[in-house]
Amino acid sequence: MRFEKITSRLGARVRGADLSRPLDAAGAAAIRAGLDEHAVLFFFDQPRLSAEEQVRFARAFGEI
């Protein structure tokens, strides 16, 4: 997974993540660190996520 800055202050594209699959601890930590660093993350090249997959992704970061 890699983060590509969009501007010098805010935002990054996330490449190499498949949000339709469960995140392991390392993947969740990498996304959390990317969010801390860039404030906004854009996930490109994702398959259409079901409601269940979206909830599973969100739960990787805490209680919904």
PDB file of N, CA and C in Angstrom:
ATOM      1  N   MET A   1       0.842  -1.157   0.000  1.00  0.00           N
ATOM      2  CA  MET A   1       0.000   0.000   0.000  1.00  0.00           C
ATOM      3  C   MET A   1       0.899   1.235   0.000  1.00  0.00           C
ATOM      4  N   ARG A   2       0.543   2.196  -0.828  1.00  0.00           N
ATOM      5  CA  ARG A   2       1.334   3.432  -0.851  1.00  0.00           C
ATOM      6  C   ARG A   2       0.413   4.640  -0.919  1.00  0.00           C
ATOM      7  N   PHE A   3       0.934   5.746  -0.424  1.00  0.00           N
ATOM      8  CA  PHE A   3       0.193   7.000  -0.356  1.00  0.00           C
ATOM      9  C   PHE A   3       0.888   8.012  -1.251  1.00  0.00           C
ATOM     10  N   GLU A   4       0.125   8.640  -2.127  1.00  0.00           N
ATOM     11  CA  GLU A   4       0.663   9.650  -3.045  1.00  0.00           C
ATOM     12  C   GLU A   4       0.022  10.990  -2.702  1.00  0.00           C
ATOM     13  N   LYS A   5       0.838  11.938  -2.267  1.00  0.00           N
ATOM     14  CA  LYS A   5       0.312  13.259  -1.911  1.00  0.00           C
ATOM     15  C   LYS A   5      -0.425  13.879  -3.088  1.00  0.00           C
ATOM     16  N   ILE A   6      -1.518  14.553  -2.782  1.00  0.00           N
ATOM     17  CA  ILE A   6      -2.274  15.279  -3.805  1.00  0.00           C
ATOM     18  C   ILE A   6      -1.863  16.751  -3.794  1.00  0.00           C
ATOM     19  N   THR A   7      -1.783  17.331  -2.611  1.00  0.00           N
ATOM     20  CA  THR A   7      -1.311  18.699  -2.472  1.00  0.00           C
ATOM     21  C   THR A   7      -0.256  18.713  -1.370  1.00  0.00           C
ATOM     22  N   SER A   8       0.397  19.834  -1.186  1.00  0.00           N
ATOM     23  CA  SER A   8       1.443  19.916  -0.161  1.00  0.00           C
ATOM     24  C   SER A   8       0.867  19.907   1.254  1.00  0.00           C
ATOM     25  N   ARG A   9      -0.422  20.192   1.402  1.00  0.00           N
ATOM     26  CA  ARG A   9      -1.017  20.295   2.741  1.00  0.00           C
ATOM     27  C   ARG A   9      -2.047  19.240   3.077  1.00  0.00           C
ATOM     28  N   LEU A  10      -2.768  18.740   2.088  1.00  0.00           N
ATOM     29  CA  LEU A  10      -3.935  17.930   2.393  1.00  0.00           C
ATOM     30  C   LEU A  10      -4.186  16.882   1.327  1.00  0.00           C
ATOM     31  N   GLY A  11      -4.453  15.659   1.767  1.00  0.00           N
ATOM     32  CA  GLY A  11      -4.937  14.620   0.874  1.00  0.00           C
ATOM     33  C   GLY A  11      -3.869  13.740   0.252  1.00  0.00           C
ATOM     34  N   ALA A  12      -4.247  12.464   0.087  1.00  0.00           N
ATOM     35  CA  ALA A  12      -3.379  11.499  -0.585  1.00  0.00           C
ATOM     36  C   ALA A  12      -4.231  10.439  -1.264  1.00  0.00           C
ATOM     37  N   ARG A  13      -3.740   9.961  -2.398  1.00  0.00           N
ATOM     38  CA  ARG A  13      -4.327   8.808  -3.069  1.00  0.00           C
ATOM     39  C   ARG A  13      -3.738   7.562  -2.425  1.00  0.00           C
ATOM     40  N   VAL A  14      -4.574   6.575  -2.196  1.00  0.00           N
ATOM     41  CA  VAL A  14      -4.102   5.307  -1.645  1.00  0.00           C
ATOM     42  C   VAL A  14      -4.112   4.289  -2.772  1.00  0.00           C
ATOM     43  N   ARG A  15      -2.978   3.700  -3.025  1.00  0.00           N
ATOM     44  CA  ARG A  15      -2.848   2.668  -4.063  1.00  0.00           C
ATOM     45  C   ARG A  15      -2.457   1.354  -3.402  1.00  0.00           C
ATOM     46  N   GLY A  16      -2.955   0.263  -3.957  1.00  0.00           N
ATOM     47  CA  GLY A  16      -2.551  -1.050  -3.466  1.00  0.00           C
ATOM     48  C   GLY A  16      -3.374  -1.583  -2.306  1.00  0.00           C
ATOM     49  N   ALA A  17      -4.533  -0.992  -2.056  1.00  0.00           N
ATOM     50  CA  ALA A  17      -5.416  -1.487  -0.996  1.00  0.00           C
ATOM     51  C   ALA A  17      -6.680  -2.046  -1.653  1.00  0.00           C
ATOM     52  N   ASP A  18      -7.142  -3.179  -1.178  1.00  0.00           N
ATOM     53  CA  ASP A  18      -8.399  -3.763  -1.648  1.00  0.00           C
ATOM     54  C   ASP A  18      -9.371  -3.740  -0.478  1.00  0.00           C
ATOM     55  N   LEU A  19     -10.256  -2.768  -0.464  1.00  0.00           N
ATOM     56  CA  LEU A  19     -11.170  -2.577   0.663  1.00  0.00           C
ATOM     57  C   LEU A  19     -12.286  -3.609   0.713  1.00  0.00           C
ATOM     58  N   SER A  20     -12.399  -4.442  -0.311  1.00  0.00           N
ATOM     59  CA  SER A  20     -13.417  -5.496  -0.286  1.00  0.00           C
ATOM     60  C   SER A  20     -12.958  -6.692   0.550  1.00  0.00           C
ATOM     61  N   ARG A  21     -11.690  -6.702   0.925  1.00  0.00           N
ATOM     62  CA  ARG A  21     -11.143  -7.789   1.755  1.00  0.00           C
ATOM     63  C   ARG A  21     -10.940  -7.292   3.178  1.00  0.00           C
ATOM     64  N   PRO A  22     -11.027  -8.194   4.150  1.00  0.00           N
ATOM     65  CA  PRO A  22     -10.788  -7.771   5.536  1.00  0.00           C
ATOM     66  C   PRO A  22      -9.375  -7.208   5.705  1.00  0.00           C
ATOM     67  N   LEU A  23      -9.252  -6.153   6.488  1.00  0.00           N
ATOM     68  CA  LEU A  23      -7.946  -5.559   6.778  1.00  0.00           C
ATOM     69  C   LEU A  23      -7.290  -6.298   7.928  1.00  0.00           C
ATOM     70  N   ASP A  24      -6.013  -6.573   7.793  1.00  0.00           N
ATOM     71  CA  ASP A  24      -5.277  -7.102   8.937  1.00  0.00           C
ATOM     72  C   ASP A  24      -4.798  -5.911   9.770  1.00  0.00           C
ATOM     73  N   ALA A  25      -4.196  -6.195  10.908  1.00  0.00           N
ATOM     74  CA  ALA A  25      -3.768  -5.128  11.820  1.00  0.00           C
ATOM     75  C   ALA A  25      -2.771  -4.188  11.147  1.00  0.00           C
ATOM     76  N   ALA A  26      -1.870  -4.734  10.352  1.00  0.00           N
ATOM     77  CA  ALA A  26      -0.864  -3.902   9.684  1.00  0.00           C
ATOM     78  C   ALA A  26      -1.514  -2.982   8.649  1.00  0.00           C
ATOM     79  N   GLY A  27      -2.484  -3.489   7.907  1.00  0.00           N
ATOM     80  CA  GLY A  27      -3.180  -2.661   6.921  1.00  0.00           C
ATOM     81  C   GLY A  27      -3.972  -1.546   7.568  1.00  0.00           C
ATOM     82  N   ALA A  28      -4.674  -1.864   8.652  1.00  0.00           N
ATOM     83  CA  ALA A  28      -5.433  -0.839   9.372  1.00  0.00           C
ATOM     84  C   ALA A  28      -4.498   0.212   9.954  1.00  0.00           C
ATOM     85  N   ALA A  29      -3.356  -0.219  10.492  1.00  0.00           N
ATOM     86  CA  ALA A  29      -2.381   0.726  11.059  1.00  0.00           C
ATOM     87  C   ALA A  29      -1.812   1.632   9.970  1.00  0.00           C
ATOM     88  N   ALA A  30      -1.551   1.072   8.792  1.00  0.00           N
ATOM     89  CA  ALA A  30      -1.017   1.875   7.692  1.00  0.00           C
ATOM     90  C   ALA A  30      -2.034   2.921   7.248  1.00  0.00           C
ATOM     91  N   ILE A  31      -3.303   2.542   7.146  1.00  0.00           N
ATOM     92  CA  ILE A  31      -4.337   3.492   6.744  1.00  0.00           C
ATOM     93  C   ILE A  31      -4.517   4.566   7.807  1.00  0.00           C
ATOM     94  N   ARG A  32      -4.515   4.172   9.075  1.00  0.00           N
ATOM     95  CA  ARG A  32      -4.648   5.150  10.160  1.00  0.00           C
ATOM     96  C   ARG A  32      -3.475   6.139  10.135  1.00  0.00           C
ATOM     97  N   ALA A  33      -2.255   5.643   9.913  1.00  0.00           N
ATOM     98  CA  ALA A  33      -1.077   6.519   9.837  1.00  0.00           C
ATOM     99  C   ALA A  33      -1.179   7.446   8.629  1.00  0.00           C
ATOM    100  N   GLY A  34      -1.649   6.918   7.505  1.00  0.00           N
ATOM    101  CA  GLY A  34      -1.841   7.754   6.320  1.00  0.00           C
ATOM    102  C   GLY A  34      -2.869   8.841   6.558  1.00  0.00           C
ATOM    103  N   LEU A  35      -3.938   8.503   7.263  1.00  0.00           N
ATOM    104  CA  LEU A  35      -4.957   9.495   7.580  1.00  0.00           C
ATOM    105  C   LEU A  35      -4.413  10.558   8.535  1.00  0.00           C
ATOM    106  N   ASP A  36      -3.624  10.132   9.517  1.00  0.00           N
ATOM    107  CA  ASP A  36      -2.999  11.089  10.435  1.00  0.00           C
ATOM    108  C   ASP A  36      -2.069  12.049   9.687  1.00  0.00           C
ATOM    109  N   GLU A  37      -1.344  11.524   8.724  1.00  0.00           N
ATOM    110  CA  GLU A  37      -0.378  12.349   7.982  1.00  0.00           C
ATOM    111  C   GLU A  37      -1.038  13.251   6.947  1.00  0.00           C
ATOM    112  N   HIS A  38      -2.052  12.731   6.228  1.00  0.00           N
ATOM    113  CA  HIS A  38      -2.609  13.445   5.068  1.00  0.00           C
ATOM    114  C   HIS A  38      -4.001  14.038   5.297  1.00  0.00           C
ATOM    115  N   ALA A  39      -4.668  13.671   6.380  1.00  0.00           N
ATOM    116  CA  ALA A  39      -5.994  14.174   6.773  1.00  0.00           C
ATOM    117  C   ALA A  39      -7.147  13.660   5.906  1.00  0.00           C
ATOM    118  N   VAL A  40      -6.933  13.473   4.620  1.00  0.00           N
ATOM    119  CA  VAL A  40      -7.971  12.977   3.713  1.00  0.00           C
ATOM    120  C   VAL A  40      -7.336  11.914   2.826  1.00  0.00           C
ATOM    121  N   LEU A  41      -8.011  10.768   2.694  1.00  0.00           N
ATOM    122  CA  LEU A  41      -7.505   9.697   1.832  1.00  0.00           C
ATOM    123  C   LEU A  41      -8.532   9.384   0.754  1.00  0.00           C
ATOM    124  N   PHE A  42      -8.037   9.161  -0.460  1.00  0.00           N
ATOM    125  CA  PHE A  42      -8.866   8.767  -1.597  1.00  0.00           C
ATOM    126  C   PHE A  42      -8.420   7.384  -2.037  1.00  0.00           C
ATOM    127  N   PHE A  43      -9.342   6.438  -2.034  1.00  0.00           N
ATOM    128  CA  PHE A  43      -9.040   5.060  -2.417  1.00  0.00           C
ATOM    129  C   PHE A  43      -9.462   4.849  -3.857  1.00  0.00           C
ATOM    130  N   PHE A  44      -8.492   4.628  -4.729  1.00  0.00           N
ATOM    131  CA  PHE A  44      -8.741   4.435  -6.154  1.00  0.00           C
ATOM    132  C   PHE A  44      -8.785   2.951  -6.488  1.00  0.00           C
ATOM    133  N   ASP A  45      -9.341   2.647  -7.641  1.00  0.00           N
ATOM    134  CA  ASP A  45      -9.349   1.287  -8.189  1.00  0.00           C
ATOM    135  C   ASP A  45      -9.965   0.272  -7.241  1.00  0.00           C
ATOM    136  N   GLN A  46     -11.080   0.643  -6.623  1.00  0.00           N
ATOM    137  CA  GLN A  46     -11.774  -0.261  -5.709  1.00  0.00           C
ATOM    138  C   GLN A  46     -12.940  -0.928  -6.421  1.00  0.00           C
ATOM    139  N   PRO A  47     -13.187  -2.207  -6.087  1.00  0.00           N
ATOM    140  CA  PRO A  47     -14.414  -2.833  -6.600  1.00  0.00           C
ATOM    141  C   PRO A  47     -15.616  -2.199  -5.896  1.00  0.00           C
ATOM    142  N   ARG A  48     -16.774  -2.392  -6.429  1.00  0.00           N
ATOM    143  CA  ARG A  48     -17.986  -1.889  -5.769  1.00  0.00           C
ATOM    144  C   ARG A  48     -18.132  -2.642  -4.450  1.00  0.00           C
ATOM    145  N   LEU A  49     -18.198  -1.897  -3.354  1.00  0.00           N
ATOM    146  CA  LEU A  49     -18.296  -2.509  -2.037  1.00  0.00           C
ATOM    147  C   LEU A  49     -19.754  -2.663  -1.619  1.00  0.00           C
ATOM    148  N   SER A  50     -20.063  -3.828  -1.071  1.00  0.00           N
ATOM    149  CA  SER A  50     -21.406  -4.039  -0.529  1.00  0.00           C
ATOM    150  C   SER A  50     -21.519  -3.267   0.786  1.00  0.00           C
ATOM    151  N   ALA A  51     -22.732  -3.126   1.273  1.00  0.00           N
ATOM    152  CA  ALA A  51     -22.938  -2.459   2.566  1.00  0.00           C
ATOM    153  C   ALA A  51     -22.177  -3.195   3.661  1.00  0.00           C
ATOM    154  N   GLU A  52     -22.188  -4.510   3.625  1.00  0.00           N
ATOM    155  CA  GLU A  52     -21.472  -5.316   4.624  1.00  0.00           C
ATOM    156  C   GLU A  52     -19.964  -5.054   4.565  1.00  0.00           C
ATOM    157  N   GLU A  53     -19.407  -4.965   3.375  1.00  0.00           N
ATOM    158  CA  GLU A  53     -17.969  -4.687   3.231  1.00  0.00           C
ATOM    159  C   GLU A  53     -17.621  -3.291   3.732  1.00  0.00           C
ATOM    160  N   GLN A  54     -18.487  -2.330   3.481  1.00  0.00           N
ATOM    161  CA  GLN A  54     -18.244  -0.970   3.977  1.00  0.00           C
ATOM    162  C   GLN A  54     -18.258  -0.935   5.507  1.00  0.00           C
ATOM    163  N   VAL A  55     -19.190  -1.635   6.116  1.00  0.00           N
ATOM    164  CA  VAL A  55     -19.265  -1.680   7.577  1.00  0.00           C
ATOM    165  C   VAL A  55     -18.038  -2.383   8.141  1.00  0.00           C
ATOM    166  N   ARG A  56     -17.618  -3.483   7.532  1.00  0.00           N
ATOM    167  CA  ARG A  56     -16.427  -4.207   8.000  1.00  0.00           C
ATOM    168  C   ARG A  56     -15.198  -3.307   7.941  1.00  0.00           C
ATOM    169  N   PHE A  57     -15.053  -2.544   6.864  1.00  0.00           N
ATOM    170  CA  PHE A  57     -13.929  -1.623   6.744  1.00  0.00           C
ATOM    171  C   PHE A  57     -13.970  -0.577   7.858  1.00  0.00           C
ATOM    172  N   ALA A  58     -15.132   0.018   8.074  1.00  0.00           N
ATOM    173  CA  ALA A  58     -15.269   1.052   9.109  1.00  0.00           C
ATOM    174  C   ALA A  58     -14.974   0.495  10.494  1.00  0.00           C
ATOM    175  N   ARG A  59     -15.380  -0.735  10.777  1.00  0.00           N
ATOM    176  CA  ARG A  59     -15.147  -1.338  12.097  1.00  0.00           C
ATOM    177  C   ARG A  59     -13.674  -1.557  12.383  1.00  0.00           C
ATOM    178  N   ALA A  60     -12.855  -1.610  11.351  1.00  0.00           N
ATOM    179  CA  ALA A  60     -11.408  -1.773  11.558  1.00  0.00           C
ATOM    180  C   ALA A  60     -10.814  -0.571  12.295  1.00  0.00           C
ATOM    181  N   PHE A  61     -11.578   0.542  12.344  1.00  0.00           N
ATOM    182  CA  PHE A  61     -11.079   1.771  12.947  1.00  0.00           C
ATOM    183  C   PHE A  61     -11.824   2.167  14.211  1.00  0.00           C
ATOM    184  N   GLY A  62     -12.727   1.314  14.669  1.00  0.00           N
ATOM    185  CA  GLY A  62     -13.415   1.591  15.913  1.00  0.00           C
ATOM    186  C   GLY A  62     -14.896   1.289  15.825  1.00  0.00           C
ATOM    187  N   GLU A  63     -15.581   1.576  16.894  1.00  0.00           N
ATOM    188  CA  GLU A  63     -17.010   1.317  16.971  1.00  0.00           C
ATOM    189  C   GLU A  63     -17.762   2.257  16.028  1.00  0.00           C
ATOM    190  N   ILE A  64     -18.760   1.710  15.377  1.00  0.00           N
ATOM    191  CA  ILE A  64     -19.576   2.497  14.447  1.00  0.00           C
ATOM    192  C   ILE A  64     -20.762   3.074  15.201  1.00  0.00           C
TER     193      ILE A  64
END
